[in-house]
C-alpha cells in the first residue's frame, strides 16, 4: 500500500493554523483543549497530515479569532502556495525570527540584522575534512561578505543592552 502524500491545500491550511495560533501566543495543547481534540491531532492538522473537517475548521477559526477564509489563499490555487510567503513561515523558527524582528524599532538595526541573516544564508556548510586546513573552495560571495558580516555582527552585539 502506497503512503498518501498530504494535499498542498491541507498543508497550506495547516501552516496558517500554526501561524495564527503562534501569533495568538497559544500552544498546540491549548488550541486542542479549546476545540476538543488531543494536541497530537493539532500537530497533524498543522503538518497537513490530517484534513480538518468543516465544523472543526469553524471552531479553530473562532478560537483564533479569524475567519475561515483567512486559512486559505485568496486565489484558491494550489500551485500558488509554493510561491506564497506563508510557506516560508511553516518553520516555527522563521516565525520566531520575524516576530522578534518586528519588535525592533531602529531602522539601522533592522537593516543590519537583515544583512546578517542574508550573509549567513549565503554561506554553505564546509565539507568535513580530516585535516584542519581545507582546500574546499568558498562561495564566490564569501570574500565580499566576510568583512561586512563582522561589522554587522559587531553592530548587532553592541546594540544589545547589557544588564548587570
N, C-alpha and C. Protein backbone atom coordinates (compact mmCIF):
# COMPACT_ATOMS: atom_id res chain seq x y z
N UNK A 1 0.85 -1.18 0.00
CA UNK A 1 0.00 0.00 0.00
C UNK A 1 0.89 1.24 0.00
N UNK A 2 0.63 2.16 -0.91
CA UNK A 2 1.41 3.39 -1.00
C UNK A 2 0.97 4.39 0.05
N UNK A 3 1.95 5.10 0.62
CA UNK A 3 1.63 6.13 1.60
C UNK A 3 1.04 7.33 0.87
N UNK A 4 0.01 7.90 1.44
CA UNK A 4 -0.62 9.07 0.84
C UNK A 4 0.21 10.31 1.17
N UNK A 5 0.39 11.15 0.17
CA UNK A 5 1.09 12.40 0.42
C UNK A 5 0.04 13.46 0.75
N UNK A 6 0.38 14.37 1.66
CA UNK A 6 -0.59 15.40 2.03
C UNK A 6 -0.94 16.30 0.84
N UNK A 7 -2.18 16.67 0.76
CA UNK A 7 -2.64 17.58 -0.28
C UNK A 7 -2.06 18.97 0.01
N UNK A 8 -1.55 19.69 -1.00
CA UNK A 8 -0.97 21.02 -0.76
C UNK A 8 -1.95 21.99 -0.08
N UNK A 9 -3.23 21.88 -0.37
CA UNK A 9 -4.21 22.75 0.27
C UNK A 9 -4.32 22.46 1.76
N UNK A 10 -4.26 21.17 2.14
CA UNK A 10 -4.28 20.80 3.55
C UNK A 10 -3.02 21.30 4.26
N UNK A 11 -1.88 21.20 3.57
CA UNK A 11 -0.62 21.67 4.15
C UNK A 11 -0.68 23.18 4.35
N UNK A 12 -1.21 23.90 3.36
CA UNK A 12 -1.30 25.35 3.46
C UNK A 12 -2.23 25.77 4.61
N UNK A 13 -3.39 25.14 4.71
CA UNK A 13 -4.32 25.48 5.78
C UNK A 13 -3.69 25.16 7.13
N UNK A 14 -2.99 24.04 7.24
CA UNK A 14 -2.33 23.68 8.48
C UNK A 14 -1.24 24.67 8.86
N UNK A 15 -0.46 25.10 7.87
CA UNK A 15 0.59 26.09 8.13
C UNK A 15 -0.01 27.39 8.64
N UNK A 16 -1.12 27.78 8.06
CA UNK A 16 -1.77 29.01 8.51
C UNK A 16 -2.38 28.86 9.89
N UNK A 17 -2.88 27.68 10.21
CA UNK A 17 -3.36 27.45 11.58
C UNK A 17 -2.21 27.66 12.54
N UNK A 18 -1.04 27.10 12.21
CA UNK A 18 0.14 27.27 13.07
C UNK A 18 0.52 28.74 13.20
N UNK A 19 0.53 29.46 12.09
CA UNK A 19 0.91 30.87 12.12
C UNK A 19 -0.04 31.67 13.01
N UNK A 20 -1.34 31.50 12.81
CA UNK A 20 -2.31 32.26 13.61
C UNK A 20 -2.29 31.82 15.07
N UNK A 21 -2.10 30.52 15.32
CA UNK A 21 -2.02 30.03 16.70
C UNK A 21 -0.82 30.64 17.41
N UNK A 22 0.32 30.64 16.75
CA UNK A 22 1.54 31.21 17.33
C UNK A 22 1.38 32.70 17.55
N UNK A 23 0.74 33.36 16.61
CA UNK A 23 0.50 34.80 16.72
C UNK A 23 -0.35 35.12 17.94
N UNK A 24 -1.28 34.23 18.27
CA UNK A 24 -2.12 34.41 19.45
C UNK A 24 -1.41 34.03 20.74
N UNK A 25 -0.20 33.46 20.62
CA UNK A 25 0.54 33.04 21.80
C UNK A 25 -0.04 31.78 22.42
N UNK A 26 -0.65 30.95 21.61
CA UNK A 26 -1.33 29.75 22.09
C UNK A 26 -0.50 28.51 21.75
N UNK A 27 -0.43 27.56 22.66
CA UNK A 27 0.26 26.30 22.40
C UNK A 27 -0.67 25.35 21.64
N UNK A 28 -0.09 24.29 21.10
CA UNK A 28 -0.92 23.28 20.43
C UNK A 28 -1.88 22.65 21.43
N UNK A 29 -1.42 22.44 22.65
CA UNK A 29 -2.27 21.85 23.68
C UNK A 29 -3.45 22.75 24.04
N UNK A 30 -3.21 24.05 24.12
CA UNK A 30 -4.29 24.98 24.44
C UNK A 30 -5.33 25.00 23.33
N UNK A 31 -4.87 25.06 22.08
CA UNK A 31 -5.81 25.04 20.96
C UNK A 31 -6.58 23.73 20.95
N UNK A 32 -5.86 22.63 21.17
CA UNK A 32 -6.52 21.32 21.19
C UNK A 32 -7.61 21.26 22.24
N UNK A 33 -7.33 21.77 23.44
CA UNK A 33 -8.32 21.76 24.51
C UNK A 33 -9.56 22.57 24.15
N UNK A 34 -9.36 23.68 23.46
CA UNK A 34 -10.48 24.56 23.12
C UNK A 34 -11.33 24.02 21.97
N UNK A 35 -10.74 23.13 21.15
CA UNK A 35 -11.54 22.58 20.04
C UNK A 35 -11.92 21.13 20.28
N UNK A 36 -11.48 20.57 21.41
CA UNK A 36 -11.92 19.23 21.79
C UNK A 36 -11.18 18.07 21.14
N UNK A 37 -9.88 18.23 20.89
CA UNK A 37 -9.07 17.13 20.35
C UNK A 37 -7.77 17.04 21.15
N UNK A 38 -6.99 16.00 20.91
CA UNK A 38 -5.68 15.86 21.54
C UNK A 38 -4.68 16.76 20.81
N UNK A 39 -3.63 17.19 21.52
CA UNK A 39 -2.66 18.07 20.88
C UNK A 39 -1.98 17.39 19.69
N UNK A 40 -1.89 16.05 19.72
CA UNK A 40 -1.30 15.34 18.59
C UNK A 40 -2.13 15.54 17.32
N UNK A 41 -3.44 15.68 17.50
CA UNK A 41 -4.31 15.92 16.35
C UNK A 41 -4.03 17.30 15.76
N UNK A 42 -3.81 18.29 16.62
CA UNK A 42 -3.47 19.64 16.15
C UNK A 42 -2.15 19.58 15.38
N UNK A 43 -1.19 18.81 15.89
CA UNK A 43 0.08 18.65 15.17
C UNK A 43 -0.16 18.11 13.77
N UNK A 44 -1.01 17.12 13.66
CA UNK A 44 -1.31 16.52 12.35
C UNK A 44 -2.02 17.51 11.44
N UNK A 45 -2.93 18.32 12.01
CA UNK A 45 -3.58 19.35 11.20
C UNK A 45 -2.54 20.33 10.67
N UNK A 46 -1.65 20.79 11.56
CA UNK A 46 -0.67 21.81 11.18
C UNK A 46 0.33 21.31 10.16
N UNK A 47 0.61 20.02 10.14
CA UNK A 47 1.52 19.45 9.15
C UNK A 47 0.80 19.07 7.86
N UNK A 48 -0.53 19.11 7.88
CA UNK A 48 -1.31 18.75 6.71
C UNK A 48 -1.49 17.25 6.56
N UNK A 49 -1.10 16.50 7.57
CA UNK A 49 -1.23 15.04 7.53
C UNK A 49 -2.70 14.64 7.59
N UNK A 50 -3.45 15.27 8.49
CA UNK A 50 -4.89 15.00 8.60
C UNK A 50 -5.67 16.21 8.10
N UNK A 51 -6.73 15.93 7.42
CA UNK A 51 -7.61 17.01 6.96
C UNK A 51 -8.45 17.52 8.12
N UNK A 52 -8.79 18.80 8.05
CA UNK A 52 -9.62 19.40 9.08
C UNK A 52 -11.04 19.47 8.52
N UNK A 53 -11.98 18.87 9.22
CA UNK A 53 -13.38 18.92 8.80
C UNK A 53 -13.95 20.33 8.92
N UNK A 54 -15.05 20.56 8.24
CA UNK A 54 -15.65 21.90 8.20
C UNK A 54 -16.03 22.42 9.58
N UNK A 55 -16.68 21.60 10.41
CA UNK A 55 -17.09 22.08 11.74
C UNK A 55 -15.88 22.35 12.62
N UNK A 56 -14.85 21.51 12.52
CA UNK A 56 -13.63 21.73 13.32
C UNK A 56 -12.89 22.96 12.82
N UNK A 57 -12.88 23.16 11.52
CA UNK A 57 -12.25 24.35 10.94
C UNK A 57 -12.93 25.60 11.46
N UNK A 58 -14.25 25.54 11.56
CA UNK A 58 -15.01 26.67 12.08
C UNK A 58 -14.65 26.94 13.54
N UNK A 59 -14.51 25.87 14.34
CA UNK A 59 -14.13 26.03 15.75
C UNK A 59 -12.72 26.61 15.88
N UNK A 60 -11.80 26.13 15.05
CA UNK A 60 -10.42 26.64 15.08
C UNK A 60 -10.41 28.13 14.76
N UNK A 61 -11.12 28.52 13.71
CA UNK A 61 -11.18 29.93 13.32
C UNK A 61 -11.78 30.78 14.44
N UNK A 62 -12.82 30.28 15.10
CA UNK A 62 -13.44 31.02 16.20
C UNK A 62 -12.46 31.20 17.35
N UNK A 63 -11.77 30.13 17.74
CA UNK A 63 -10.81 30.19 18.84
C UNK A 63 -9.66 31.15 18.51
N UNK A 64 -9.21 31.13 17.25
CA UNK A 64 -8.10 32.00 16.84
C UNK A 64 -8.56 33.41 16.47
N UNK A 65 -9.87 33.64 16.53
CA UNK A 65 -10.48 34.95 16.22
C UNK A 65 -10.14 35.41 14.80
N UNK A 66 -10.33 34.49 13.85
CA UNK A 66 -10.10 34.78 12.43
C UNK A 66 -11.28 34.22 11.64
N UNK A 67 -11.35 34.56 10.36
CA UNK A 67 -12.39 33.96 9.52
C UNK A 67 -11.83 32.67 8.93
N UNK A 68 -12.70 31.80 8.52
CA UNK A 68 -12.25 30.55 7.88
C UNK A 68 -11.46 30.88 6.62
N UNK A 69 -11.87 31.92 5.91
CA UNK A 69 -11.17 32.32 4.69
C UNK A 69 -9.72 32.72 4.92
N UNK A 70 -9.39 33.19 6.15
CA UNK A 70 -8.01 33.56 6.46
C UNK A 70 -7.07 32.35 6.40
N UNK A 71 -7.63 31.16 6.46
CA UNK A 71 -6.81 29.95 6.44
C UNK A 71 -6.49 29.46 5.03
N UNK A 72 -6.97 30.17 4.01
CA UNK A 72 -6.75 29.74 2.63
C UNK A 72 -6.22 30.88 1.79
N UNK A 73 -5.50 30.55 0.72
CA UNK A 73 -5.01 31.54 -0.23
C UNK A 73 -6.21 32.21 -0.88
N UNK A 74 -6.11 33.48 -1.12
CA UNK A 74 -7.22 34.19 -1.75
C UNK A 74 -7.46 33.69 -3.17
N UNK A 75 -6.39 33.30 -3.87
CA UNK A 75 -6.55 32.83 -5.24
C UNK A 75 -7.14 31.42 -5.27
N UNK A 76 -7.00 30.68 -4.21
CA UNK A 76 -7.51 29.32 -4.17
C UNK A 76 -6.74 28.36 -5.07
N UNK A 77 -5.59 28.78 -5.52
CA UNK A 77 -4.77 27.99 -6.44
C UNK A 77 -3.74 27.18 -5.66
N UNK A 78 -3.71 25.87 -5.81
CA UNK A 78 -2.72 25.05 -5.11
C UNK A 78 -1.29 25.41 -5.51
N UNK A 79 -0.97 25.57 -6.81
CA UNK A 79 0.41 25.92 -7.18
C UNK A 79 0.84 27.28 -6.62
N UNK A 80 -0.10 28.19 -6.40
CA UNK A 80 0.25 29.50 -5.87
C UNK A 80 0.85 29.39 -4.48
N UNK A 81 0.48 28.36 -3.74
CA UNK A 81 1.01 28.18 -2.39
C UNK A 81 2.52 28.02 -2.40
N UNK A 82 3.07 27.38 -3.43
CA UNK A 82 4.51 27.17 -3.49
C UNK A 82 5.27 28.49 -3.54
N UNK A 83 4.64 29.56 -4.04
CA UNK A 83 5.27 30.87 -4.12
C UNK A 83 4.86 31.77 -2.96
N UNK A 84 3.98 31.31 -2.13
CA UNK A 84 3.43 32.13 -1.05
C UNK A 84 4.44 32.37 0.06
N UNK A 85 4.48 33.60 0.60
CA UNK A 85 5.35 33.85 1.76
C UNK A 85 4.89 33.07 2.99
N UNK A 86 3.63 32.68 3.02
CA UNK A 86 3.16 31.88 4.16
C UNK A 86 3.89 30.54 4.23
N UNK A 87 4.28 30.00 3.06
CA UNK A 87 5.02 28.73 3.05
C UNK A 87 6.32 28.86 3.83
N UNK A 88 6.95 30.04 3.76
CA UNK A 88 8.20 30.27 4.47
C UNK A 88 8.01 30.24 5.98
N UNK A 89 6.82 30.58 6.44
CA UNK A 89 6.56 30.64 7.87
C UNK A 89 6.14 29.31 8.47
N UNK A 90 6.15 28.24 7.67
CA UNK A 90 5.85 26.92 8.21
C UNK A 90 6.87 26.53 9.26
N UNK A 91 8.10 26.98 9.08
CA UNK A 91 9.16 26.69 10.05
C UNK A 91 8.95 27.60 11.26
N UNK A 92 8.77 26.99 12.41
CA UNK A 92 8.47 27.78 13.62
C UNK A 92 9.59 28.76 13.95
N UNK A 93 10.85 28.42 13.63
CA UNK A 93 11.94 29.34 13.91
C UNK A 93 11.88 30.57 13.01
N UNK A 94 11.41 30.40 11.79
CA UNK A 94 11.25 31.55 10.89
C UNK A 94 10.22 32.53 11.46
N UNK A 95 9.16 32.00 12.00
CA UNK A 95 8.14 32.86 12.60
C UNK A 95 8.69 33.55 13.85
N UNK A 96 9.48 32.83 14.64
CA UNK A 96 10.09 33.44 15.83
C UNK A 96 11.00 34.60 15.44
N UNK A 97 11.82 34.39 14.39
CA UNK A 97 12.72 35.45 13.93
C UNK A 97 11.91 36.65 13.47
N UNK A 98 10.86 36.42 12.70
CA UNK A 98 10.04 37.50 12.19
C UNK A 98 9.35 38.27 13.32
N UNK A 99 8.82 37.55 14.30
CA UNK A 99 8.15 38.22 15.42
C UNK A 99 9.14 39.05 16.24
N UNK A 100 10.34 38.51 16.48
CA UNK A 100 11.36 39.27 17.21
C UNK A 100 11.80 40.49 16.40
N UNK A 101 11.99 40.29 15.10
CA UNK A 101 12.41 41.38 14.22
C UNK A 101 11.39 42.52 14.24
N UNK A 102 10.11 42.17 14.28
CA UNK A 102 9.07 43.20 14.26
C UNK A 102 9.09 44.08 15.51
N UNK A 103 9.72 43.60 16.59
CA UNK A 103 9.80 44.39 17.82
C UNK A 103 10.97 45.37 17.81
N UNK A 104 11.83 45.31 16.80
CA UNK A 104 12.98 46.21 16.70
C UNK A 104 12.53 47.48 16.01
N UNK A 105 12.69 48.61 16.67
CA UNK A 105 12.21 49.86 16.09
C UNK A 105 13.29 50.64 15.33
N UNK A 106 14.56 50.41 15.63
CA UNK A 106 15.65 51.14 14.99
C UNK A 106 15.85 50.65 13.55
N UNK A 107 15.61 51.50 12.54
CA UNK A 107 15.73 51.06 11.15
C UNK A 107 17.15 50.62 10.77
N UNK A 108 18.16 51.25 11.35
CA UNK A 108 19.55 50.85 11.06
C UNK A 108 19.80 49.44 11.59
N UNK A 109 19.30 49.15 12.76
CA UNK A 109 19.48 47.82 13.34
C UNK A 109 18.71 46.78 12.52
N UNK A 110 17.53 47.13 12.05
CA UNK A 110 16.74 46.20 11.25
C UNK A 110 17.47 45.85 9.95
N UNK A 111 18.06 46.88 9.30
CA UNK A 111 18.82 46.63 8.07
C UNK A 111 20.05 45.78 8.36
N UNK A 112 20.73 46.07 9.47
CA UNK A 112 21.93 45.30 9.83
C UNK A 112 21.58 43.83 10.08
N UNK A 113 20.48 43.58 10.76
CA UNK A 113 20.07 42.20 11.04
C UNK A 113 19.66 41.51 9.74
N UNK A 114 18.97 42.21 8.87
CA UNK A 114 18.57 41.61 7.58
C UNK A 114 19.82 41.23 6.78
N UNK A 115 20.83 42.14 6.76
CA UNK A 115 22.06 41.82 6.03
C UNK A 115 22.79 40.65 6.68
N UNK A 116 22.81 40.60 8.00
CA UNK A 116 23.46 39.49 8.71
C UNK A 116 22.81 38.16 8.33
N UNK A 117 21.49 38.12 8.39
CA UNK A 117 20.78 36.88 8.05
C UNK A 117 21.02 36.50 6.60
N UNK A 118 20.98 37.48 5.69
CA UNK A 118 21.23 37.19 4.28
C UNK A 118 22.64 36.65 4.06
N UNK A 119 23.64 37.24 4.74
CA UNK A 119 25.01 36.78 4.54
C UNK A 119 25.21 35.38 5.12
N UNK A 120 24.59 35.10 6.26
CA UNK A 120 24.69 33.75 6.83
C UNK A 120 24.01 32.74 5.91
N UNK A 121 22.89 33.12 5.32
CA UNK A 121 22.16 32.22 4.43
C UNK A 121 22.94 31.91 3.17
N UNK A 122 23.80 32.83 2.73
CA UNK A 122 24.59 32.60 1.52
C UNK A 122 25.77 31.68 1.76
N UNK A 123 26.20 31.51 3.00
CA UNK A 123 27.32 30.62 3.30
C UNK A 123 26.88 29.18 3.19
N UNK A 124 27.73 28.36 2.66
CA UNK A 124 27.44 26.92 2.57
C UNK A 124 28.25 26.22 3.64
N UNK A 125 27.70 25.16 4.23
CA UNK A 125 28.50 24.45 5.22
C UNK A 125 29.75 23.87 4.58
N UNK A 126 30.88 23.97 5.29
CA UNK A 126 32.14 23.45 4.77
C UNK A 126 32.10 21.93 4.75
N UNK A 127 32.74 21.35 3.77
CA UNK A 127 32.82 19.89 3.68
C UNK A 127 33.65 19.39 4.84
N UNK A 128 33.26 18.27 5.41
CA UNK A 128 34.01 17.72 6.53
C UNK A 128 35.35 17.22 6.02
N UNK A 129 36.38 17.58 6.75
CA UNK A 129 37.72 17.20 6.36
C UNK A 129 38.47 16.70 7.58
N UNK A 130 39.39 15.77 7.35
CA UNK A 130 40.15 15.24 8.48
C UNK A 130 41.25 16.20 8.89
N UNK A 131 41.73 17.03 7.97
CA UNK A 131 42.77 17.98 8.32
C UNK A 131 42.14 19.32 8.64
N UNK A 132 42.89 20.13 9.40
CA UNK A 132 42.36 21.44 9.78
C UNK A 132 42.37 22.40 8.61
N UNK A 133 43.31 22.24 7.70
CA UNK A 133 43.38 23.10 6.53
C UNK A 133 42.56 22.46 5.42
N UNK A 134 41.53 23.15 5.01
CA UNK A 134 40.65 22.59 3.99
C UNK A 134 40.90 23.27 2.66
N UNK A 135 40.88 22.49 1.61
CA UNK A 135 41.04 23.06 0.28
C UNK A 135 39.69 23.25 -0.40
N UNK A 136 38.61 23.12 0.38
CA UNK A 136 37.27 23.29 -0.17
C UNK A 136 37.09 24.75 -0.58
N UNK A 137 36.70 25.00 -1.81
CA UNK A 137 36.52 26.39 -2.24
C UNK A 137 35.35 27.04 -1.51
N UNK A 138 35.51 28.28 -1.19
CA UNK A 138 34.46 29.06 -0.53
C UNK A 138 33.53 29.60 -1.60
N UNK A 139 32.29 29.95 -1.21
CA UNK A 139 31.38 30.57 -2.17
C UNK A 139 31.97 31.87 -2.69
N UNK A 140 31.63 32.24 -3.92
CA UNK A 140 32.16 33.46 -4.52
C UNK A 140 31.85 34.69 -3.69
N UNK A 141 30.72 34.68 -3.01
CA UNK A 141 30.32 35.86 -2.23
C UNK A 141 31.02 35.92 -0.88
N UNK A 142 31.76 34.88 -0.49
CA UNK A 142 32.34 34.84 0.84
C UNK A 142 33.31 35.98 1.08
N UNK A 143 34.23 36.22 0.15
CA UNK A 143 35.22 37.27 0.34
C UNK A 143 34.54 38.63 0.46
N UNK A 144 33.52 38.84 -0.32
CA UNK A 144 32.81 40.11 -0.29
C UNK A 144 32.05 40.29 1.01
N UNK A 145 31.49 39.20 1.56
CA UNK A 145 30.64 39.31 2.73
C UNK A 145 31.38 39.21 4.05
N UNK A 146 32.52 38.56 4.06
CA UNK A 146 33.20 38.32 5.33
C UNK A 146 33.47 39.59 6.12
N UNK A 147 34.07 40.64 5.53
CA UNK A 147 34.31 41.84 6.34
C UNK A 147 33.01 42.50 6.78
N UNK A 148 32.03 42.56 5.89
CA UNK A 148 30.76 43.19 6.24
C UNK A 148 30.06 42.40 7.33
N UNK A 149 30.12 41.08 7.27
CA UNK A 149 29.47 40.25 8.26
C UNK A 149 30.02 40.56 9.65
N UNK A 150 31.31 40.75 9.76
CA UNK A 150 31.91 41.05 11.06
C UNK A 150 31.39 42.39 11.57
N UNK A 151 31.33 43.40 10.71
CA UNK A 151 30.88 44.70 11.17
C UNK A 151 29.39 44.67 11.53
N UNK A 152 28.59 43.90 10.81
CA UNK A 152 27.17 43.79 11.14
C UNK A 152 27.02 43.11 12.49
N UNK A 153 27.76 42.02 12.69
CA UNK A 153 27.68 41.31 13.96
C UNK A 153 28.14 42.21 15.09
N UNK A 154 29.20 42.98 14.86
CA UNK A 154 29.70 43.89 15.89
C UNK A 154 28.64 44.92 16.24
N UNK A 155 27.97 45.48 15.23
CA UNK A 155 26.92 46.46 15.48
C UNK A 155 25.77 45.83 16.24
N UNK A 156 25.39 44.63 15.85
CA UNK A 156 24.26 43.95 16.50
C UNK A 156 24.58 43.66 17.96
N UNK A 157 25.78 43.19 18.23
CA UNK A 157 26.16 42.89 19.62
C UNK A 157 26.27 44.17 20.43
N UNK A 158 26.82 45.23 19.83
CA UNK A 158 26.97 46.49 20.54
C UNK A 158 25.63 47.10 20.89
N UNK A 159 24.60 46.82 20.11
CA UNK A 159 23.29 47.41 20.35
C UNK A 159 22.48 46.65 21.40
N UNK A 160 22.94 45.48 21.79
CA UNK A 160 22.22 44.70 22.77
C UNK A 160 22.44 45.29 24.16
N UNK A 161 21.38 45.69 24.85
CA UNK A 161 21.57 46.27 26.19
C UNK A 161 22.07 45.18 27.15
N UNK A 162 23.10 45.54 27.87
CA UNK A 162 23.68 44.61 28.85
C UNK A 162 23.11 44.92 30.22
N UNK A 163 22.60 43.90 30.87
CA UNK A 163 22.04 44.06 32.21
C UNK A 163 23.05 43.55 33.22
N UNK A 164 23.37 44.36 34.25
CA UNK A 164 24.36 43.92 35.24
C UNK A 164 23.89 42.75 36.05
